[in-house]
Amino acid sequence: MHIHYISEENSILNHFLAQIRDVSIQKDSMRFRKNIERIGEIMAYELSKTLEYKSIQVQTPLGIKNTTQISDNVVLCSILRAGLALHTGFMNIFDAADNGFVSAYRYHPNNDTEFEIRVEYQAAPNLENKTLILIDPMLATGQSIVAVLHKLHLEQKPKEIHVAVAIAAPEGIQFLEENLPGNVHLWVAALDEKLNEKNYILPGLGDAGDLAYGIKL
């Protein structure tokens, strides 16, 4: 797996990452969503540098300009509900992309720390020979991402797969490396220390879905 750590160099990305972690700023859910969206825009820009382009000519009011445009057919797909704000940031950059949405959640059958991933709702376009970008703000255990990717392309094979996460734990990255093909690209805005006993990222930021959209039942 090809791993890209975006925040290793100082940029405005680290400014937005600091704000989504700050407990005093987190109280403003609109600002939290906007910062996640901004992180998505920055990640999408960095990812765009690795895509395929073709030469085109553009007619201006004064002449012809030779330039390039993306030739990849991009599909953005986010994991509900936490991925929506990050998805919006990617949509702002890849405005011509098709979009898909999949629900995945941790199911605790015994009401303890043990869980399984349930993937239920899916609404996605044709992925055959397209560039799939799977979007989820938090990479904890990695089980949700693997489960969703298996469901998405059981029959349709994308040309290329990118996974974009805002914050990741080393354990989740290792799980993806062990369970996804070697040609998958993983884009990480920030790498954190570890998972705790409940498989939450430390220091992390809390529940991204709750912070963005309110506490669920």
N, C-alpha and C. Protein backbone atom coordinates (compact mmCIF):
# COMPACT_ATOMS: atom_id res chain seq x y z
N MET A 1 0.84 -1.20 0.00
CA MET A 1 0.00 0.00 0.00
C MET A 1 0.88 1.25 0.00
N HIS A 2 0.49 2.23 -0.80
CA HIS A 2 1.22 3.49 -0.87
C HIS A 2 0.61 4.47 0.13
N ILE A 3 1.41 4.93 1.09
CA ILE A 3 0.91 5.80 2.15
C ILE A 3 1.47 7.20 1.98
N HIS A 4 0.57 8.19 2.05
CA HIS A 4 0.95 9.59 1.90
C HIS A 4 0.57 10.33 3.19
N TYR A 5 1.57 10.80 3.93
CA TYR A 5 1.34 11.55 5.16
C TYR A 5 1.42 13.05 4.83
N ILE A 6 0.29 13.70 4.78
CA ILE A 6 0.24 15.06 4.24
C ILE A 6 0.75 16.10 5.23
N SER A 7 0.55 15.89 6.53
CA SER A 7 0.88 16.93 7.51
C SER A 7 2.33 16.91 7.96
N GLU A 8 3.17 16.11 7.33
CA GLU A 8 4.58 16.07 7.73
C GLU A 8 5.27 17.40 7.48
N GLU A 9 4.81 18.14 6.48
CA GLU A 9 5.33 19.48 6.22
C GLU A 9 4.32 20.50 6.74
N ASN A 10 4.82 21.56 7.36
CA ASN A 10 3.93 22.59 7.89
C ASN A 10 3.15 23.27 6.77
N SER A 11 1.85 23.39 7.00
CA SER A 11 0.97 24.11 6.08
C SER A 11 -0.28 24.50 6.84
N ILE A 12 -1.20 25.19 6.18
CA ILE A 12 -2.46 25.58 6.81
C ILE A 12 -3.26 24.35 7.23
N LEU A 13 -2.96 23.18 6.66
CA LEU A 13 -3.63 21.94 7.06
C LEU A 13 -3.50 21.71 8.56
N ASN A 14 -2.30 21.90 9.10
CA ASN A 14 -2.08 21.67 10.53
C ASN A 14 -2.90 22.64 11.39
N HIS A 15 -3.13 23.84 10.88
CA HIS A 15 -3.96 24.82 11.57
C HIS A 15 -5.39 24.29 11.73
N PHE A 16 -5.95 23.74 10.65
CA PHE A 16 -7.31 23.22 10.71
C PHE A 16 -7.39 21.93 11.53
N LEU A 17 -6.35 21.10 11.46
CA LEU A 17 -6.32 19.88 12.27
C LEU A 17 -6.30 20.22 13.76
N ALA A 18 -5.55 21.26 14.13
CA ALA A 18 -5.52 21.66 15.54
C ALA A 18 -6.89 22.13 16.00
N GLN A 19 -7.62 22.83 15.14
CA GLN A 19 -8.92 23.35 15.53
C GLN A 19 -9.97 22.25 15.71
N ILE A 20 -9.94 21.22 14.88
CA ILE A 20 -10.94 20.16 15.04
C ILE A 20 -10.68 19.32 16.28
N ARG A 21 -9.47 19.39 16.84
CA ARG A 21 -9.16 18.65 18.07
C ARG A 21 -9.47 19.47 19.32
N ASP A 22 -9.48 20.78 19.21
CA ASP A 22 -9.59 21.68 20.37
C ASP A 22 -10.99 21.60 20.98
N VAL A 23 -11.07 21.19 22.25
CA VAL A 23 -12.38 20.96 22.89
C VAL A 23 -13.19 22.25 22.99
N SER A 24 -12.53 23.40 23.07
CA SER A 24 -13.27 24.66 23.15
C SER A 24 -13.86 25.04 21.80
N ILE A 25 -13.16 24.73 20.71
CA ILE A 25 -13.65 25.05 19.37
C ILE A 25 -14.67 24.01 18.91
N GLN A 26 -14.54 22.77 19.38
CA GLN A 26 -15.45 21.71 18.98
C GLN A 26 -16.91 22.00 19.35
N LYS A 27 -17.13 22.87 20.31
CA LYS A 27 -18.50 23.18 20.73
C LYS A 27 -19.31 23.83 19.62
N ASP A 28 -18.63 24.41 18.64
CA ASP A 28 -19.29 25.04 17.50
C ASP A 28 -19.33 24.02 16.36
N SER A 29 -20.45 23.34 16.22
CA SER A 29 -20.53 22.24 15.24
C SER A 29 -20.39 22.74 13.81
N MET A 30 -20.87 23.96 13.52
CA MET A 30 -20.74 24.50 12.17
C MET A 30 -19.27 24.74 11.83
N ARG A 31 -18.52 25.26 12.79
CA ARG A 31 -17.09 25.49 12.57
C ARG A 31 -16.35 24.17 12.44
N PHE A 32 -16.75 23.16 13.22
CA PHE A 32 -16.14 21.84 13.11
C PHE A 32 -16.34 21.28 11.71
N ARG A 33 -17.58 21.35 11.22
CA ARG A 33 -17.86 20.84 9.87
C ARG A 33 -17.06 21.59 8.82
N LYS A 34 -16.97 22.92 8.98
CA LYS A 34 -16.25 23.72 7.99
C LYS A 34 -14.76 23.38 7.98
N ASN A 35 -14.20 23.17 9.16
CA ASN A 35 -12.77 22.81 9.21
C ASN A 35 -12.52 21.43 8.61
N ILE A 36 -13.43 20.48 8.84
CA ILE A 36 -13.31 19.18 8.20
C ILE A 36 -13.39 19.33 6.68
N GLU A 37 -14.30 20.18 6.24
CA GLU A 37 -14.44 20.44 4.81
C GLU A 37 -13.15 21.03 4.23
N ARG A 38 -12.54 21.99 4.95
CA ARG A 38 -11.29 22.58 4.49
C ARG A 38 -10.18 21.54 4.41
N ILE A 39 -10.13 20.64 5.39
CA ILE A 39 -9.14 19.56 5.37
C ILE A 39 -9.36 18.70 4.13
N GLY A 40 -10.62 18.43 3.80
CA GLY A 40 -10.92 17.66 2.60
C GLY A 40 -10.44 18.34 1.34
N GLU A 41 -10.60 19.66 1.27
CA GLU A 41 -10.14 20.40 0.09
C GLU A 41 -8.63 20.29 -0.07
N ILE A 42 -7.90 20.43 1.04
CA ILE A 42 -6.44 20.35 0.97
C ILE A 42 -5.99 18.95 0.57
N MET A 43 -6.63 17.93 1.15
CA MET A 43 -6.28 16.55 0.82
C MET A 43 -6.58 16.26 -0.65
N ALA A 44 -7.72 16.76 -1.14
CA ALA A 44 -8.08 16.54 -2.53
C ALA A 44 -7.07 17.19 -3.47
N TYR A 45 -6.61 18.38 -3.11
CA TYR A 45 -5.60 19.06 -3.93
C TYR A 45 -4.31 18.23 -4.00
N GLU A 46 -3.86 17.73 -2.85
CA GLU A 46 -2.63 16.92 -2.83
C GLU A 46 -2.82 15.63 -3.63
N LEU A 47 -3.97 15.01 -3.48
CA LEU A 47 -4.24 13.76 -4.21
C LEU A 47 -4.30 14.02 -5.71
N SER A 48 -4.81 15.19 -6.11
CA SER A 48 -4.97 15.49 -7.53
C SER A 48 -3.65 15.48 -8.29
N LYS A 49 -2.54 15.69 -7.58
CA LYS A 49 -1.24 15.71 -8.23
C LYS A 49 -0.83 14.34 -8.76
N THR A 50 -1.48 13.28 -8.27
CA THR A 50 -1.10 11.92 -8.67
C THR A 50 -2.00 11.34 -9.75
N LEU A 51 -3.03 12.07 -10.17
CA LEU A 51 -3.96 11.56 -11.16
C LEU A 51 -3.42 11.74 -12.57
N GLU A 52 -4.12 11.17 -13.53
CA GLU A 52 -3.72 11.27 -14.93
C GLU A 52 -4.38 12.48 -15.57
N TYR A 53 -3.64 13.13 -16.46
CA TYR A 53 -4.11 14.35 -17.12
C TYR A 53 -3.94 14.20 -18.64
N LYS A 54 -4.71 14.99 -19.36
CA LYS A 54 -4.58 15.02 -20.82
C LYS A 54 -4.44 16.47 -21.28
N SER A 55 -3.80 16.64 -22.42
CA SER A 55 -3.60 17.98 -22.98
C SER A 55 -4.88 18.46 -23.65
N ILE A 56 -5.19 19.74 -23.44
CA ILE A 56 -6.35 20.35 -24.08
C ILE A 56 -5.99 21.76 -24.54
N GLN A 57 -6.83 22.31 -25.38
CA GLN A 57 -6.71 23.70 -25.79
C GLN A 57 -7.95 24.45 -25.33
N VAL A 58 -7.74 25.62 -24.76
CA VAL A 58 -8.84 26.44 -24.26
C VAL A 58 -8.88 27.75 -25.04
N GLN A 59 -10.06 28.08 -25.53
CA GLN A 59 -10.25 29.34 -26.24
C GLN A 59 -10.47 30.46 -25.23
N THR A 60 -9.60 31.43 -25.19
CA THR A 60 -9.77 32.62 -24.35
C THR A 60 -10.31 33.75 -25.22
N PRO A 61 -10.68 34.88 -24.64
CA PRO A 61 -11.12 36.02 -25.47
C PRO A 61 -10.05 36.53 -26.42
N LEU A 62 -8.77 36.20 -26.13
CA LEU A 62 -7.67 36.77 -26.93
C LEU A 62 -6.85 35.73 -27.68
N GLY A 63 -7.16 34.45 -27.49
CA GLY A 63 -6.35 33.46 -28.18
C GLY A 63 -6.60 32.05 -27.67
N ILE A 64 -5.63 31.17 -27.93
CA ILE A 64 -5.70 29.76 -27.54
C ILE A 64 -4.64 29.49 -26.48
N LYS A 65 -5.03 28.79 -25.39
CA LYS A 65 -4.09 28.40 -24.35
C LYS A 65 -4.00 26.88 -24.30
N ASN A 66 -2.78 26.35 -24.43
CA ASN A 66 -2.55 24.92 -24.24
C ASN A 66 -2.40 24.63 -22.76
N THR A 67 -3.16 23.68 -22.24
CA THR A 67 -3.10 23.34 -20.83
C THR A 67 -3.47 21.88 -20.63
N THR A 68 -3.83 21.48 -19.43
CA THR A 68 -4.19 20.08 -19.16
C THR A 68 -5.44 20.04 -18.30
N GLN A 69 -6.10 18.88 -18.32
CA GLN A 69 -7.22 18.63 -17.42
C GLN A 69 -7.22 17.16 -17.02
N ILE A 70 -7.88 16.86 -15.91
CA ILE A 70 -7.92 15.49 -15.42
C ILE A 70 -8.60 14.58 -16.43
N SER A 71 -7.96 13.46 -16.72
CA SER A 71 -8.56 12.48 -17.62
C SER A 71 -9.17 11.30 -16.87
N ASP A 72 -8.85 11.14 -15.57
CA ASP A 72 -9.44 10.08 -14.76
C ASP A 72 -10.92 10.34 -14.53
N ASN A 73 -11.72 9.27 -14.54
CA ASN A 73 -13.11 9.35 -14.13
C ASN A 73 -13.17 9.10 -12.63
N VAL A 74 -13.36 10.16 -11.85
CA VAL A 74 -13.28 10.08 -10.40
C VAL A 74 -14.66 9.81 -9.80
N VAL A 75 -14.69 8.89 -8.82
CA VAL A 75 -15.88 8.64 -8.02
C VAL A 75 -15.53 8.88 -6.56
N LEU A 76 -16.24 9.80 -5.92
CA LEU A 76 -16.07 10.05 -4.49
C LEU A 76 -17.09 9.23 -3.73
N CYS A 77 -16.65 8.53 -2.70
CA CYS A 77 -17.57 7.73 -1.90
C CYS A 77 -17.24 7.92 -0.43
N SER A 78 -18.22 8.31 0.36
CA SER A 78 -17.97 8.52 1.79
C SER A 78 -18.76 7.52 2.62
N ILE A 79 -18.24 7.28 3.83
CA ILE A 79 -18.89 6.39 4.79
C ILE A 79 -19.77 7.25 5.70
N LEU A 80 -21.06 6.98 5.68
CA LEU A 80 -22.01 7.74 6.47
C LEU A 80 -21.86 7.42 7.95
N ARG A 81 -22.17 8.45 8.83
CA ARG A 81 -22.50 9.81 8.45
C ARG A 81 -21.29 10.73 8.60
N ALA A 82 -20.29 10.24 9.30
CA ALA A 82 -19.14 11.07 9.67
C ALA A 82 -18.39 11.59 8.45
N GLY A 83 -18.46 10.87 7.32
CA GLY A 83 -17.68 11.25 6.16
C GLY A 83 -18.25 12.39 5.35
N LEU A 84 -19.45 12.86 5.68
CA LEU A 84 -20.13 13.83 4.81
C LEU A 84 -19.38 15.15 4.69
N ALA A 85 -18.91 15.71 5.80
CA ALA A 85 -18.23 17.01 5.73
C ALA A 85 -16.91 16.90 4.95
N LEU A 86 -16.16 15.84 5.19
CA LEU A 86 -14.91 15.62 4.45
C LEU A 86 -15.22 15.41 2.97
N HIS A 87 -16.31 14.70 2.69
CA HIS A 87 -16.76 14.47 1.32
C HIS A 87 -17.03 15.80 0.61
N THR A 88 -17.66 16.74 1.32
CA THR A 88 -17.95 18.05 0.73
C THR A 88 -16.68 18.76 0.30
N GLY A 89 -15.63 18.67 1.12
CA GLY A 89 -14.36 19.26 0.75
C GLY A 89 -13.79 18.67 -0.53
N PHE A 90 -13.87 17.35 -0.67
CA PHE A 90 -13.41 16.70 -1.90
C PHE A 90 -14.27 17.09 -3.08
N MET A 91 -15.60 17.22 -2.86
CA MET A 91 -16.50 17.63 -3.94
C MET A 91 -16.20 19.03 -4.43
N ASN A 92 -15.77 19.89 -3.52
CA ASN A 92 -15.43 21.26 -3.92
C ASN A 92 -14.27 21.29 -4.92
N ILE A 93 -13.39 20.31 -4.83
CA ILE A 93 -12.24 20.23 -5.75
C ILE A 93 -12.58 19.38 -6.97
N PHE A 94 -13.10 18.18 -6.75
CA PHE A 94 -13.48 17.29 -7.85
C PHE A 94 -14.96 17.50 -8.16
N ASP A 95 -15.28 18.66 -8.71
CA ASP A 95 -16.68 19.05 -8.86
C ASP A 95 -17.40 18.29 -9.97
N ALA A 96 -16.66 17.61 -10.83
CA ALA A 96 -17.29 16.83 -11.91
C ALA A 96 -17.40 15.35 -11.56
N ALA A 97 -16.98 14.98 -10.36
CA ALA A 97 -16.96 13.57 -9.98
C ALA A 97 -18.35 13.04 -9.70
N ASP A 98 -18.55 11.73 -9.94
CA ASP A 98 -19.73 11.04 -9.45
C ASP A 98 -19.57 10.79 -7.96
N ASN A 99 -20.68 10.53 -7.28
CA ASN A 99 -20.63 10.40 -5.83
C ASN A 99 -21.40 9.16 -5.35
N GLY A 100 -20.85 8.54 -4.29
CA GLY A 100 -21.50 7.39 -3.68
C GLY A 100 -21.48 7.52 -2.16
N PHE A 101 -22.38 6.78 -1.52
CA PHE A 101 -22.50 6.83 -0.06
C PHE A 101 -22.80 5.44 0.47
N VAL A 102 -22.10 5.07 1.55
CA VAL A 102 -22.28 3.76 2.16
C VAL A 102 -22.35 3.94 3.67
N SER A 103 -23.25 3.21 4.31
CA SER A 103 -23.32 3.27 5.78
C SER A 103 -22.56 2.08 6.37
N ALA A 104 -21.77 2.37 7.39
CA ALA A 104 -21.05 1.33 8.11
C ALA A 104 -20.96 1.74 9.57
N TYR A 105 -21.16 0.80 10.46
CA TYR A 105 -21.10 1.13 11.89
C TYR A 105 -20.66 -0.07 12.70
N ARG A 106 -20.20 0.22 13.92
CA ARG A 106 -19.80 -0.84 14.84
C ARG A 106 -21.04 -1.40 15.55
N TYR A 107 -21.25 -2.68 15.43
CA TYR A 107 -22.37 -3.35 16.11
C TYR A 107 -21.81 -4.17 17.27
N HIS A 108 -22.29 -3.87 18.47
CA HIS A 108 -21.84 -4.56 19.69
C HIS A 108 -22.91 -5.55 20.13
N PRO A 109 -22.85 -6.80 19.70
CA PRO A 109 -23.93 -7.75 20.01
C PRO A 109 -24.05 -8.06 21.50
N ASN A 110 -22.96 -7.94 22.23
CA ASN A 110 -22.99 -8.28 23.67
C ASN A 110 -22.85 -7.05 24.56
N ASN A 111 -22.97 -5.87 23.95
CA ASN A 111 -22.86 -4.62 24.70
C ASN A 111 -21.53 -4.51 25.46
N ASP A 112 -20.47 -5.02 24.84
CA ASP A 112 -19.14 -4.90 25.43
C ASP A 112 -18.20 -4.30 24.39
N THR A 113 -16.91 -4.45 24.60
CA THR A 113 -15.95 -3.85 23.67
C THR A 113 -15.83 -4.61 22.35
N GLU A 114 -16.31 -5.83 22.30
CA GLU A 114 -16.25 -6.61 21.07
C GLU A 114 -17.30 -6.10 20.08
N PHE A 115 -16.92 -6.00 18.81
CA PHE A 115 -17.87 -5.50 17.82
C PHE A 115 -17.60 -6.11 16.46
N GLU A 116 -18.61 -5.99 15.60
CA GLU A 116 -18.46 -6.36 14.20
C GLU A 116 -18.93 -5.17 13.36
N ILE A 117 -18.44 -5.09 12.13
CA ILE A 117 -18.82 -3.99 11.25
C ILE A 117 -20.01 -4.41 10.40
N ARG A 118 -21.04 -3.59 10.43
CA ARG A 118 -22.21 -3.83 9.60
C ARG A 118 -22.28 -2.76 8.51
N VAL A 119 -22.32 -3.22 7.27
CA VAL A 119 -22.46 -2.35 6.12
C VAL A 119 -23.87 -2.58 5.57
N GLU A 120 -24.69 -1.54 5.56
CA GLU A 120 -26.09 -1.71 5.19
C GLU A 120 -26.45 -0.90 3.95
N TYR A 121 -26.67 0.39 4.10
CA TYR A 121 -27.12 1.21 2.98
C TYR A 121 -25.98 1.46 2.00
N GLN A 122 -26.28 1.37 0.72
CA GLN A 122 -25.29 1.66 -0.32
C GLN A 122 -25.95 2.33 -1.50
N ALA A 123 -25.40 3.47 -1.91
CA ALA A 123 -25.85 4.14 -3.13
C ALA A 123 -24.60 4.63 -3.84
N ALA A 124 -24.19 3.90 -4.86
CA ALA A 124 -22.93 4.21 -5.54
C ALA A 124 -23.08 4.01 -7.04
N PRO A 125 -22.39 4.82 -7.84
CA PRO A 125 -22.42 4.65 -9.29
C PRO A 125 -21.54 3.48 -9.73
N ASN A 126 -21.51 3.26 -11.03
CA ASN A 126 -20.65 2.23 -11.60
C ASN A 126 -19.18 2.58 -11.32
N LEU A 127 -18.42 1.63 -10.80
CA LEU A 127 -17.02 1.88 -10.46
C LEU A 127 -16.05 1.26 -11.46
N GLU A 128 -16.56 0.57 -12.45
CA GLU A 128 -15.70 -0.16 -13.37
C GLU A 128 -14.71 0.76 -14.06
N ASN A 129 -13.41 0.47 -13.85
CA ASN A 129 -12.31 1.19 -14.50
C ASN A 129 -12.28 2.67 -14.14
N LYS A 130 -12.82 3.04 -12.98
CA LYS A 130 -12.80 4.43 -12.54
C LYS A 130 -11.84 4.59 -11.36
N THR A 131 -11.57 5.83 -11.00
CA THR A 131 -10.71 6.13 -9.86
C THR A 131 -11.59 6.38 -8.65
N LEU A 132 -11.58 5.42 -7.72
CA LEU A 132 -12.42 5.49 -6.53
C LEU A 132 -11.65 6.15 -5.39
N ILE A 133 -12.28 7.18 -4.79
CA ILE A 133 -11.71 7.82 -3.60
C ILE A 133 -12.68 7.57 -2.45
N LEU A 134 -12.30 6.72 -1.51
CA LEU A 134 -13.13 6.40 -0.36
C LEU A 134 -12.75 7.34 0.79
N ILE A 135 -13.76 8.00 1.37
CA ILE A 135 -13.53 9.10 2.30
C ILE A 135 -14.11 8.77 3.67
N ASP A 136 -13.29 8.87 4.71
CA ASP A 136 -13.75 8.66 6.08
C ASP A 136 -12.82 9.46 6.99
N PRO A 137 -13.34 10.30 7.88
CA PRO A 137 -12.44 11.16 8.66
C PRO A 137 -11.53 10.43 9.63
N MET A 138 -11.97 9.27 10.15
CA MET A 138 -11.20 8.59 11.19
C MET A 138 -10.85 7.17 10.75
N LEU A 139 -9.57 6.82 10.82
CA LEU A 139 -9.12 5.46 10.58
C LEU A 139 -8.66 4.90 11.92
N ALA A 140 -9.53 4.15 12.58
CA ALA A 140 -9.22 3.57 13.89
C ALA A 140 -8.73 2.14 13.71
N THR A 141 -9.64 1.16 13.71
CA THR A 141 -9.22 -0.24 13.51
C THR A 141 -9.01 -0.56 12.04
N GLY A 142 -9.65 0.19 11.16
CA GLY A 142 -9.57 -0.07 9.72
C GLY A 142 -10.61 -1.05 9.22
N GLN A 143 -11.38 -1.64 10.12
CA GLN A 143 -12.34 -2.67 9.71
C GLN A 143 -13.47 -2.10 8.85
N SER A 144 -13.93 -0.88 9.16
CA SER A 144 -15.02 -0.29 8.37
C SER A 144 -14.58 -0.06 6.93
N ILE A 145 -13.39 0.47 6.74
CA ILE A 145 -12.91 0.76 5.39
C ILE A 145 -12.76 -0.51 4.58
N VAL A 146 -12.21 -1.55 5.18
CA VAL A 146 -12.04 -2.82 4.47
C VAL A 146 -13.40 -3.41 4.11
N ALA A 147 -14.34 -3.38 5.06
CA ALA A 147 -15.68 -3.93 4.81
C ALA A 147 -16.38 -3.19 3.69
N VAL A 148 -16.29 -1.86 3.69
CA VAL A 148 -16.94 -1.06 2.66
C VAL A 148 -16.31 -1.30 1.29
N LEU A 149 -14.99 -1.36 1.22
CA LEU A 149 -14.33 -1.60 -0.07
C LEU A 149 -14.69 -2.97 -0.62
N HIS A 150 -14.78 -3.97 0.24
CA HIS A 150 -15.17 -5.30 -0.23
C HIS A 150 -16.58 -5.28 -0.80
N LYS A 151 -17.47 -4.52 -0.16
CA LYS A 151 -18.85 -4.45 -0.64
C LYS A 151 -18.93 -3.66 -1.95
N LEU A 152 -18.15 -2.60 -2.07
CA LEU A 152 -18.25 -1.73 -3.23
C LEU A 152 -17.77 -2.39 -4.51
N HIS A 153 -16.70 -3.16 -4.45
CA HIS A 153 -16.18 -3.69 -5.70
C HIS A 153 -16.08 -5.21 -5.70
N LEU A 154 -17.14 -5.85 -5.21
CA LEU A 154 -17.22 -7.30 -5.36
C LEU A 154 -17.34 -7.70 -6.84
N GLU A 155 -18.09 -6.89 -7.61
CA GLU A 155 -18.30 -7.19 -9.02
C GLU A 155 -17.63 -6.16 -9.94
N GLN A 156 -17.55 -4.91 -9.50
CA GLN A 156 -16.96 -3.86 -10.32
C GLN A 156 -15.55 -3.56 -9.84
N LYS A 157 -14.62 -3.49 -10.76
CA LYS A 157 -13.21 -3.29 -10.40
C LYS A 157 -12.75 -1.89 -10.79
N PRO A 158 -12.52 -1.01 -9.83
CA PRO A 158 -11.99 0.32 -10.15
C PRO A 158 -10.60 0.21 -10.75
N LYS A 159 -10.26 1.21 -11.53
CA LYS A 159 -8.90 1.28 -12.09
C LYS A 159 -7.89 1.54 -10.98
N GLU A 160 -8.27 2.39 -10.04
CA GLU A 160 -7.39 2.78 -8.95
C GLU A 160 -8.23 3.10 -7.72
N ILE A 161 -7.67 2.80 -6.53
CA ILE A 161 -8.39 3.06 -5.28
C ILE A 161 -7.53 3.95 -4.39
N HIS A 162 -8.13 5.03 -3.91
CA HIS A 162 -7.52 5.91 -2.93
C HIS A 162 -8.41 5.92 -1.69
N VAL A 163 -7.80 5.88 -0.52
CA VAL A 163 -8.51 6.02 0.75
C VAL A 163 -8.01 7.29 1.42
N ALA A 164 -8.93 8.18 1.79
CA ALA A 164 -8.56 9.47 2.38
C ALA A 164 -9.14 9.57 3.79
N VAL A 165 -8.26 9.77 4.78
CA VAL A 165 -8.68 9.89 6.17
C VAL A 165 -8.02 11.12 6.79
N ALA A 166 -8.74 11.77 7.69
CA ALA A 166 -8.17 12.94 8.36
C ALA A 166 -7.20 12.53 9.46
N ILE A 167 -7.61 11.58 10.30
CA ILE A 167 -6.79 11.16 11.43
C ILE A 167 -6.74 9.63 11.46
N ALA A 168 -5.53 9.08 11.65
CA ALA A 168 -5.35 7.63 11.61
C ALA A 168 -4.55 7.15 12.81
N ALA A 169 -4.84 5.91 13.21
CA ALA A 169 -4.04 5.22 14.23
C ALA A 169 -3.14 4.21 13.53
N PRO A 170 -1.95 3.95 14.09
CA PRO A 170 -1.05 2.98 13.45
C PRO A 170 -1.68 1.60 13.29
N GLU A 171 -2.51 1.20 14.26
CA GLU A 171 -3.14 -0.12 14.17
C GLU A 171 -4.06 -0.22 12.95
N GLY A 172 -4.77 0.87 12.66
CA GLY A 172 -5.64 0.87 11.49
C GLY A 172 -4.87 0.81 10.19
N ILE A 173 -3.77 1.53 10.13
CA ILE A 173 -2.93 1.50 8.93
C ILE A 173 -2.38 0.09 8.71
N GLN A 174 -1.94 -0.55 9.78
CA GLN A 174 -1.42 -1.91 9.66
C GLN A 174 -2.50 -2.87 9.16
N PHE A 175 -3.74 -2.69 9.65
CA PHE A 175 -4.84 -3.56 9.23
C PHE A 175 -5.11 -3.38 7.74
N LEU A 176 -5.09 -2.15 7.26
CA LEU A 176 -5.29 -1.91 5.82
C LEU A 176 -4.17 -2.54 5.00
N GLU A 177 -2.94 -2.41 5.48
CA GLU A 177 -1.81 -2.99 4.76
C GLU A 177 -1.94 -4.51 4.64
N GLU A 178 -2.52 -5.13 5.66
CA GLU A 178 -2.67 -6.59 5.68
C GLU A 178 -3.88 -7.07 4.90
N ASN A 179 -4.85 -6.18 4.63
CA ASN A 179 -6.11 -6.65 4.08
C ASN A 179 -6.52 -5.98 2.77
N LEU A 180 -5.71 -5.04 2.27
CA LEU A 180 -6.02 -4.39 1.00
C LEU A 180 -4.90 -4.65 0.00
N PRO A 181 -5.19 -4.56 -1.29
CA PRO A 181 -4.15 -4.77 -2.30
C PRO A 181 -3.02 -3.76 -2.17
N GLY A 182 -1.85 -4.15 -2.63
CA GLY A 182 -0.67 -3.30 -2.48
C GLY A 182 -0.70 -2.03 -3.28
N ASN A 183 -1.58 -1.97 -4.30
CA ASN A 183 -1.61 -0.77 -5.16
C ASN A 183 -2.58 0.29 -4.66
N VAL A 184 -3.23 0.08 -3.51
CA VAL A 184 -4.12 1.09 -2.94
C VAL A 184 -3.30 2.24 -2.37
N HIS A 185 -3.80 3.47 -2.55
CA HIS A 185 -3.16 4.66 -1.98
C HIS A 185 -3.93 5.09 -0.74
N LEU A 186 -3.22 5.28 0.37
CA LEU A 186 -3.81 5.78 1.60
C LEU A 186 -3.30 7.19 1.86
N TRP A 187 -4.23 8.14 2.00
CA TRP A 187 -3.89 9.54 2.26
C TRP A 187 -4.28 9.87 3.69
N VAL A 188 -3.29 10.28 4.49
CA VAL A 188 -3.49 10.53 5.92
C VAL A 188 -3.13 11.98 6.22
N ALA A 189 -4.10 12.73 6.74
CA ALA A 189 -3.79 14.11 7.12
C ALA A 189 -2.95 14.14 8.39
N ALA A 190 -3.27 13.30 9.37
CA ALA A 190 -2.51 13.28 10.63
C ALA A 190 -2.45 11.87 11.19
N LEU A 191 -1.26 11.46 11.62
CA LEU A 191 -1.07 10.16 12.25
C LEU A 191 -0.99 10.34 13.76
N ASP A 192 -1.86 9.63 14.50
CA ASP A 192 -1.89 9.73 15.95
C ASP A 192 -1.12 8.58 16.60
N GLU A 193 -1.20 8.50 17.93
CA GLU A 193 -0.33 7.59 18.68
C GLU A 193 -0.77 6.14 18.66
N LYS A 194 -2.05 5.89 19.02
CA LYS A 194 -2.49 4.50 19.18
C LYS A 194 -4.00 4.46 19.39
N LEU A 195 -4.53 3.25 19.54
CA LEU A 195 -5.92 3.04 19.95
C LEU A 195 -5.97 2.75 21.44
N ASN A 196 -7.07 3.17 22.09
CA ASN A 196 -7.23 2.81 23.50
C ASN A 196 -7.94 1.47 23.62
N GLU A 197 -8.32 1.08 24.83
CA GLU A 197 -8.93 -0.22 25.05
C GLU A 197 -10.29 -0.35 24.39
N LYS A 198 -10.93 0.78 24.04
CA LYS A 198 -12.22 0.75 23.34
C LYS A 198 -12.06 0.96 21.84
N ASN A 199 -10.83 0.91 21.37
CA ASN A 199 -10.52 1.09 19.94
C ASN A 199 -10.86 2.48 19.43
N TYR A 200 -10.69 3.49 20.28
CA TYR A 200 -10.79 4.88 19.87
C TYR A 200 -9.38 5.45 19.73
N ILE A 201 -9.21 6.40 18.80
CA ILE A 201 -7.90 6.95 18.51
C ILE A 201 -7.47 7.91 19.61
N LEU A 202 -6.20 7.76 20.05
CA LEU A 202 -5.60 8.67 21.02
C LEU A 202 -4.45 9.44 20.36
N PRO A 203 -4.36 10.78 20.54
CA PRO A 203 -5.32 11.62 21.27
C PRO A 203 -6.60 11.89 20.52
N GLY A 204 -6.61 11.70 19.20
CA GLY A 204 -7.83 11.79 18.41
C GLY A 204 -8.55 13.11 18.55
N LEU A 205 -9.89 13.03 18.47
CA LEU A 205 -10.70 14.23 18.63
C LEU A 205 -12.09 13.93 19.18
N GLY A 206 -12.39 12.65 19.41
CA GLY A 206 -13.73 12.26 19.84
C GLY A 206 -14.48 11.63 18.67
N ASP A 207 -15.79 11.66 18.72
CA ASP A 207 -16.63 11.09 17.67
C ASP A 207 -16.90 12.15 16.61
N ALA A 208 -16.32 11.99 15.43
CA ALA A 208 -16.44 13.00 14.39
C ALA A 208 -17.88 13.19 13.94
N GLY A 209 -18.64 12.11 13.86
CA GLY A 209 -20.03 12.22 13.46
C GLY A 209 -20.87 13.00 14.46
N ASP A 210 -20.67 12.73 15.75
CA ASP A 210 -21.41 13.45 16.79
C ASP A 210 -21.03 14.92 16.81
N LEU A 211 -19.75 15.22 16.66
CA LEU A 211 -19.29 16.61 16.68
C LEU A 211 -19.84 17.40 15.50
N ALA A 212 -20.01 16.74 14.38
CA ALA A 212 -20.48 17.43 13.18
C ALA A 212 -21.99 17.54 13.13
N TYR A 213 -22.69 16.51 13.61
CA TYR A 213 -24.13 16.43 13.36
C TYR A 213 -24.98 16.19 14.60
N GLY A 214 -24.37 16.13 15.77
CA GLY A 214 -25.13 15.92 17.00
C GLY A 214 -25.06 14.48 17.47
N ILE A 215 -25.33 14.29 18.74
CA ILE A 215 -25.24 12.95 19.36
C ILE A 215 -26.38 12.09 18.86
N LYS A 216 -26.04 10.86 18.47
CA LYS A 216 -27.04 9.90 17.99
C LYS A 216 -27.50 8.99 19.13
N LEU A 217 -28.64 8.34 18.93
CA LEU A 217 -29.16 7.41 19.93
C LEU A 217 -28.29 6.16 20.00
